[in-house]
Amino acid sequence: MSSFHSKYLTNIWNVPNVLTMIRLALIPVFVVLHAMALEKLALLTFCVASFTDWLDGHIARKYNLITDFGKLMDPLADKLMVCTALIMQGINGTFPVIAIIIVVLKELVMIYGSSYMLAHDVVVYANIWGKLAQCSFILALVLSFWHKDFTAMNFPIDRVCLWIAVVIAVIALVDYTLAALKTLRELKAKK
């Protein structure tokens, strides 16, 4: 078994990791419900997935169930769920494509950067900007299910929240990048 498998795929069966796996499994469910125009069920699925994000972190910290698998898969599941929901809302015209492109590119950079750091045995944890961006995206996505109502009132609050989330996400990317560069310099200096 490779060192990756032995490190990240052992001791994975605990409640927080199962919640992360459930969140991953809910992504195709959300896509199918959204594609079938079952908006309320898609929204419910998204809300359940978002709740598992909060719950798995809470349980992992409270009961000291933090694992290498969770450190790797929890943020990946979050990114996949949010990006999938954004793309689906872009496909139906609720959200502007440019905002979605910015977010997806940012997340691809984050995944690449996190993988690079992981190769150097450094786990990149969510910082305040990343958490704030995630909460803002969840708010924007939940509100987006009432986009037609907001547009009819000439105040598309869901899009306002989306653009705020995009700005915060870009700030988070800059912050993560600066922190990663500092960590890499420190590691290089120790060698």
C-alpha atoms as a PDB file:
ATOM      1  CA  MET A   1       0.000   0.000   0.000  1.00  0.00           C
ATOM      2  CA  SER A   2       1.413   3.391  -0.926  1.00  0.00           C
ATOM      3  CA  SER A   3       2.152   5.946   1.752  1.00  0.00           C
ATOM      4  CA  PHE A   4      -0.755   8.070   0.457  1.00  0.00           C
ATOM      5  CA  HIS A   5      -3.197   5.208   0.914  1.00  0.00           C
ATOM      6  CA  SER A   6      -1.827   4.236   4.295  1.00  0.00           C
ATOM      7  CA  LYS A   7      -1.993   7.815   5.539  1.00  0.00           C
ATOM      8  CA  TYR A   8      -5.314   9.006   4.105  1.00  0.00           C
ATOM      9  CA  LEU A   9      -7.334   5.814   3.807  1.00  0.00           C
ATOM     10  CA  THR A  10      -6.882   4.332   7.272  1.00  0.00           C
ATOM     11  CA  ASN A  11      -9.206   4.919  10.213  1.00  0.00           C
ATOM     12  CA  ILE A  12     -11.742   6.612   7.975  1.00  0.00           C
ATOM     13  CA  TRP A  13     -14.874   5.110   9.504  1.00  0.00           C
ATOM     14  CA  ASN A  14     -16.088   7.686  11.975  1.00  0.00           C
ATOM     15  CA  VAL A  15     -19.149   9.926  12.030  1.00  0.00           C
ATOM     16  CA  PRO A  16     -17.500  13.076  10.573  1.00  0.00           C
ATOM     17  CA  ASN A  17     -15.990  11.157   7.660  1.00  0.00           C
ATOM     18  CA  VAL A  18     -19.268   9.363   6.948  1.00  0.00           C
ATOM     19  CA  LEU A  19     -20.998  12.777   6.881  1.00  0.00           C
ATOM     20  CA  THR A  20     -18.384  13.952   4.371  1.00  0.00           C
ATOM     21  CA  MET A  21     -19.070  10.873   2.226  1.00  0.00           C
ATOM     22  CA  ILE A  22     -22.809  11.538   2.445  1.00  0.00           C
ATOM     23  CA  ARG A  23     -22.170  15.108   1.259  1.00  0.00           C
ATOM     24  CA  LEU A  24     -20.247  13.748  -1.736  1.00  0.00           C
ATOM     25  CA  ALA A  25     -23.083  11.309  -2.471  1.00  0.00           C
ATOM     26  CA  LEU A  26     -25.635  14.143  -2.340  1.00  0.00           C
ATOM     27  CA  ILE A  27     -23.938  15.995  -5.223  1.00  0.00           C
ATOM     28  CA  PRO A  28     -25.343  13.775  -8.015  1.00  0.00           C
ATOM     29  CA  VAL A  29     -28.703  13.710  -6.211  1.00  0.00           C
ATOM     30  CA  PHE A  30     -28.738  17.522  -6.269  1.00  0.00           C
ATOM     31  CA  VAL A  31     -27.820  17.561  -9.977  1.00  0.00           C
ATOM     32  CA  VAL A  32     -30.596  15.137 -10.925  1.00  0.00           C
ATOM     33  CA  LEU A  33     -33.241  16.970  -8.874  1.00  0.00           C
ATOM     34  CA  HIS A  34     -32.129  20.341 -10.257  1.00  0.00           C
ATOM     35  CA  ALA A  35     -32.093  19.036 -13.846  1.00  0.00           C
ATOM     36  CA  MET A  36     -35.616  17.664 -13.352  1.00  0.00           C
ATOM     37  CA  ALA A  37     -36.720  21.146 -12.188  1.00  0.00           C
ATOM     38  CA  LEU A  38     -37.578  19.802  -8.741  1.00  0.00           C
ATOM     39  CA  GLU A  39     -36.255  22.997  -7.212  1.00  0.00           C
ATOM     40  CA  LYS A  40     -37.534  22.595  -3.673  1.00  0.00           C
ATOM     41  CA  LEU A  41     -36.112  19.077  -3.408  1.00  0.00           C
ATOM     42  CA  ALA A  42     -32.829  20.286  -4.920  1.00  0.00           C
ATOM     43  CA  LEU A  43     -32.772  23.103  -2.361  1.00  0.00           C
ATOM     44  CA  LEU A  44     -33.498  20.652   0.465  1.00  0.00           C
ATOM     45  CA  THR A  45     -30.656  18.414  -0.759  1.00  0.00           C
ATOM     46  CA  PHE A  46     -28.286  21.390  -0.880  1.00  0.00           C
ATOM     47  CA  CYS A  47     -29.309  22.468   2.631  1.00  0.00           C
ATOM     48  CA  VAL A  48     -28.802  18.952   4.016  1.00  0.00           C
ATOM     49  CA  ALA A  49     -25.364  18.802   2.378  1.00  0.00           C
ATOM     50  CA  SER A  50     -24.474  22.225   3.794  1.00  0.00           C
ATOM     51  CA  PHE A  51     -25.633  21.143   7.239  1.00  0.00           C
ATOM     52  CA  THR A  52     -23.421  18.034   7.075  1.00  0.00           C
ATOM     53  CA  ASP A  53     -20.498  20.373   6.358  1.00  0.00           C
ATOM     54  CA  TRP A  54     -21.068  22.210   9.623  1.00  0.00           C
ATOM     55  CA  LEU A  55     -21.951  19.054  11.559  1.00  0.00           C
ATOM     56  CA  ASP A  56     -18.941  16.966  10.537  1.00  0.00           C
ATOM     57  CA  GLY A  57     -16.522  19.731  11.536  1.00  0.00           C
ATOM     58  CA  HIS A  58     -18.287  20.277  14.839  1.00  0.00           C
ATOM     59  CA  ILE A  59     -18.260  16.571  15.733  1.00  0.00           C
ATOM     60  CA  ALA A  60     -14.663  16.076  14.584  1.00  0.00           C
ATOM     61  CA  ARG A  61     -13.400  18.931  16.763  1.00  0.00           C
ATOM     62  CA  LYS A  62     -15.591  18.216  19.794  1.00  0.00           C
ATOM     63  CA  TYR A  63     -14.811  14.494  19.967  1.00  0.00           C
ATOM     64  CA  ASN A  64     -11.253  14.668  18.594  1.00  0.00           C
ATOM     65  CA  LEU A  65     -12.164  12.638  15.502  1.00  0.00           C
ATOM     66  CA  ILE A  66     -10.019  14.626  13.086  1.00  0.00           C
ATOM     67  CA  THR A  67      -8.391  12.298  10.553  1.00  0.00           C
ATOM     68  CA  ASP A  68      -6.107  12.753   7.576  1.00  0.00           C
ATOM     69  CA  PHE A  69      -8.957  11.545   5.369  1.00  0.00           C
ATOM     70  CA  GLY A  70     -11.235  14.259   6.781  1.00  0.00           C
ATOM     71  CA  LYS A  71      -8.578  16.945   6.349  1.00  0.00           C
ATOM     72  CA  LEU A  72      -8.327  15.985   2.690  1.00  0.00           C
ATOM     73  CA  MET A  73     -11.902  15.117   1.740  1.00  0.00           C
ATOM     74  CA  ASP A  74     -13.974  17.586   3.770  1.00  0.00           C
ATOM     75  CA  PRO A  75     -12.774  20.715   1.935  1.00  0.00           C
ATOM     76  CA  LEU A  76     -12.901  18.864  -1.388  1.00  0.00           C
ATOM     77  CA  ALA A  77     -16.523  17.856  -0.753  1.00  0.00           C
ATOM     78  CA  ASP A  78     -17.355  21.475   0.131  1.00  0.00           C
ATOM     79  CA  LYS A  79     -15.767  22.801  -3.047  1.00  0.00           C
ATOM     80  CA  LEU A  80     -17.461  20.200  -5.243  1.00  0.00           C
ATOM     81  CA  MET A  81     -20.895  20.822  -3.725  1.00  0.00           C
ATOM     82  CA  VAL A  82     -20.713  24.607  -4.017  1.00  0.00           C
ATOM     83  CA  CYS A  83     -19.218  24.571  -7.524  1.00  0.00           C
ATOM     84  CA  THR A  84     -21.803  22.044  -8.705  1.00  0.00           C
ATOM     85  CA  ALA A  85     -24.656  24.146  -7.315  1.00  0.00           C
ATOM     86  CA  LEU A  86     -23.195  27.313  -8.859  1.00  0.00           C
ATOM     87  CA  ILE A  87     -22.833  25.615 -12.241  1.00  0.00           C
ATOM     88  CA  MET A  88     -26.407  24.324 -12.124  1.00  0.00           C
ATOM     89  CA  GLN A  89     -27.670  27.817 -11.252  1.00  0.00           C
ATOM     90  CA  GLY A  90     -25.559  29.183 -14.108  1.00  0.00           C
ATOM     91  CA  ILE A  91     -26.981  26.688 -16.575  1.00  0.00           C
ATOM     92  CA  ASN A  92     -30.511  27.829 -15.799  1.00  0.00           C
ATOM     93  CA  GLY A  93     -29.505  31.498 -16.081  1.00  0.00           C
ATOM     94  CA  THR A  94     -29.884  32.401 -12.408  1.00  0.00           C
ATOM     95  CA  PHE A  95     -26.210  33.279 -11.923  1.00  0.00           C
ATOM     96  CA  PRO A  96     -23.872  35.006 -14.389  1.00  0.00           C
ATOM     97  CA  VAL A  97     -21.359  32.713 -16.064  1.00  0.00           C
ATOM     98  CA  ILE A  98     -18.419  35.040 -15.362  1.00  0.00           C
ATOM     99  CA  ALA A  99     -18.913  34.723 -11.598  1.00  0.00           C
ATOM    100  CA  ILE A 100     -19.005  30.952 -11.891  1.00  0.00           C
ATOM    101  CA  ILE A 101     -15.852  30.882 -14.027  1.00  0.00           C
ATOM    102  CA  ILE A 102     -14.012  32.992 -11.435  1.00  0.00           C
ATOM    103  CA  VAL A 103     -15.094  30.681  -8.623  1.00  0.00           C
ATOM    104  CA  VAL A 104     -14.287  27.458 -10.479  1.00  0.00           C
ATOM    105  CA  LEU A 105     -10.840  28.768 -11.486  1.00  0.00           C
ATOM    106  CA  LYS A 106     -10.197  29.858  -7.894  1.00  0.00           C
ATOM    107  CA  GLU A 107     -11.187  26.413  -6.610  1.00  0.00           C
ATOM    108  CA  LEU A 108      -8.980  24.655  -9.181  1.00  0.00           C
ATOM    109  CA  VAL A 109      -6.040  26.797  -8.038  1.00  0.00           C
ATOM    110  CA  MET A 110      -6.886  25.951  -4.413  1.00  0.00           C
ATOM    111  CA  ILE A 111      -7.065  22.214  -5.148  1.00  0.00           C
ATOM    112  CA  TYR A 112      -3.742  22.318  -6.996  1.00  0.00           C
ATOM    113  CA  GLY A 113      -2.141  24.403  -4.246  1.00  0.00           C
ATOM    114  CA  SER A 114      -3.512  22.176  -1.488  1.00  0.00           C
ATOM    115  CA  SER A 115      -2.243  19.080  -3.319  1.00  0.00           C
ATOM    116  CA  TYR A 116       1.187  20.671  -3.674  1.00  0.00           C
ATOM    117  CA  MET A 117       1.260  21.553   0.013  1.00  0.00           C
ATOM    118  CA  LEU A 118       0.011  18.071   0.928  1.00  0.00           C
ATOM    119  CA  ALA A 119       2.926  16.598  -1.029  1.00  0.00           C
ATOM    120  CA  HIS A 120       5.135  18.547   1.397  1.00  0.00           C
ATOM    121  CA  ASP A 121       3.151  17.163   4.373  1.00  0.00           C
ATOM    122  CA  VAL A 122       1.413  20.489   4.979  1.00  0.00           C
ATOM    123  CA  VAL A 123      -2.357  20.470   5.389  1.00  0.00           C
ATOM    124  CA  VAL A 124      -4.018  23.731   4.411  1.00  0.00           C
ATOM    125  CA  TYR A 125      -6.771  24.498   6.892  1.00  0.00           C
ATOM    126  CA  ALA A 126      -9.680  26.820   6.219  1.00  0.00           C
ATOM    127  CA  ASN A 127      -9.026  30.352   7.402  1.00  0.00           C
ATOM    128  CA  ILE A 128     -11.546  33.007   8.327  1.00  0.00           C
ATOM    129  CA  TRP A 129     -11.737  34.293   4.730  1.00  0.00           C
ATOM    130  CA  GLY A 130     -12.353  30.798   3.379  1.00  0.00           C
ATOM    131  CA  LYS A 131     -15.072  30.120   5.944  1.00  0.00           C
ATOM    132  CA  LEU A 132     -16.687  33.491   5.274  1.00  0.00           C
ATOM    133  CA  ALA A 133     -16.619  32.829   1.513  1.00  0.00           C
ATOM    134  CA  GLN A 134     -18.170  29.381   2.014  1.00  0.00           C
ATOM    135  CA  CYS A 135     -20.976  30.818   4.165  1.00  0.00           C
ATOM    136  CA  SER A 136     -21.561  33.599   1.623  1.00  0.00           C
ATOM    137  CA  PHE A 137     -21.801  31.119  -1.247  1.00  0.00           C
ATOM    138  CA  ILE A 138     -24.250  28.976   0.705  1.00  0.00           C
ATOM    139  CA  LEU A 139     -26.388  32.043   1.446  1.00  0.00           C
ATOM    140  CA  ALA A 140     -26.287  33.150  -2.206  1.00  0.00           C
ATOM    141  CA  LEU A 141     -27.184  29.664  -3.405  1.00  0.00           C
ATOM    142  CA  VAL A 142     -30.077  29.249  -0.983  1.00  0.00           C
ATOM    143  CA  LEU A 143     -31.424  32.691  -1.952  1.00  0.00           C
ATOM    144  CA  SER A 144     -30.996  31.869  -5.640  1.00  0.00           C
ATOM    145  CA  PHE A 145     -33.939  29.497  -5.465  1.00  0.00           C
ATOM    146  CA  TRP A 146     -36.115  32.620  -5.135  1.00  0.00           C
ATOM    147  CA  HIS A 147     -34.257  34.531  -7.866  1.00  0.00           C
ATOM    148  CA  LYS A 148     -37.406  35.165  -9.921  1.00  0.00           C
ATOM    149  CA  ASP A 149     -39.130  36.702  -6.897  1.00  0.00           C
ATOM    150  CA  PHE A 150     -36.150  38.953  -6.142  1.00  0.00           C
ATOM    151  CA  THR A 151     -35.902  39.989  -9.791  1.00  0.00           C
ATOM    152  CA  ALA A 152     -39.619  40.816  -9.844  1.00  0.00           C
ATOM    153  CA  MET A 153     -38.974  43.165  -6.896  1.00  0.00           C
ATOM    154  CA  ASN A 154     -36.017  44.706  -8.796  1.00  0.00           C
ATOM    155  CA  PHE A 155     -33.622  43.606  -6.063  1.00  0.00           C
ATOM    156  CA  PRO A 156     -31.780  40.386  -6.930  1.00  0.00           C
ATOM    157  CA  ILE A 157     -30.275  39.938  -3.452  1.00  0.00           C
ATOM    158  CA  ASP A 158     -29.043  36.463  -4.425  1.00  0.00           C
ATOM    159  CA  ARG A 159     -26.758  37.969  -7.080  1.00  0.00           C
ATOM    160  CA  VAL A 160     -25.558  40.663  -4.685  1.00  0.00           C
ATOM    161  CA  CYS A 161     -24.643  37.924  -2.196  1.00  0.00           C
ATOM    162  CA  LEU A 162     -22.975  35.943  -4.977  1.00  0.00           C
ATOM    163  CA  TRP A 163     -20.705  38.836  -5.974  1.00  0.00           C
ATOM    164  CA  ILE A 164     -19.851  39.510  -2.324  1.00  0.00           C
ATOM    165  CA  ALA A 165     -18.948  35.811  -1.990  1.00  0.00           C
ATOM    166  CA  VAL A 166     -16.793  35.991  -5.136  1.00  0.00           C
ATOM    167  CA  VAL A 167     -14.861  38.981  -3.775  1.00  0.00           C
ATOM    168  CA  ILE A 168     -14.355  37.246  -0.412  1.00  0.00           C
ATOM    169  CA  ALA A 169     -13.243  34.062  -2.207  1.00  0.00           C
ATOM    170  CA  VAL A 170     -10.612  35.977  -4.171  1.00  0.00           C
ATOM    171  CA  ILE A 171      -9.380  37.584  -0.934  1.00  0.00           C
ATOM    172  CA  ALA A 172      -9.229  34.087   0.597  1.00  0.00           C
ATOM    173  CA  LEU A 173      -7.189  32.829  -2.363  1.00  0.00           C
ATOM    174  CA  VAL A 174      -4.662  35.656  -1.926  1.00  0.00           C
ATOM    175  CA  ASP A 175      -4.494  34.991   1.820  1.00  0.00           C
ATOM    176  CA  TYR A 176      -4.017  31.232   1.330  1.00  0.00           C
ATOM    177  CA  THR A 177      -1.328  31.865  -1.294  1.00  0.00           C
ATOM    178  CA  LEU A 178       0.632  34.229   0.948  1.00  0.00           C
ATOM    179  CA  ALA A 179       0.401  31.796   3.874  1.00  0.00           C
ATOM    180  CA  ALA A 180       1.489  28.866   1.674  1.00  0.00           C
ATOM    181  CA  LEU A 181       4.489  30.781   0.331  1.00  0.00           C
ATOM    182  CA  LYS A 182       5.517  31.686   3.879  1.00  0.00           C
ATOM    183  CA  THR A 183       5.198  28.049   4.988  1.00  0.00           C
ATOM    184  CA  LEU A 184       7.221  26.813   2.006  1.00  0.00           C
ATOM    185  CA  ARG A 185       9.969  29.369   2.742  1.00  0.00           C
ATOM    186  CA  GLU A 186      10.066  28.187   6.356  1.00  0.00           C
ATOM    187  CA  LEU A 187      10.285  24.546   5.288  1.00  0.00           C
ATOM    188  CA  LYS A 188      13.066  25.359   2.847  1.00  0.00           C
ATOM    189  CA  ALA A 189      14.979  27.235   5.554  1.00  0.00           C
ATOM    190  CA  LYS A 190      14.803  24.183   7.875  1.00  0.00           C
ATOM    191  CA  LYS A 191      16.444  21.927   5.287  1.00  0.00           C
END
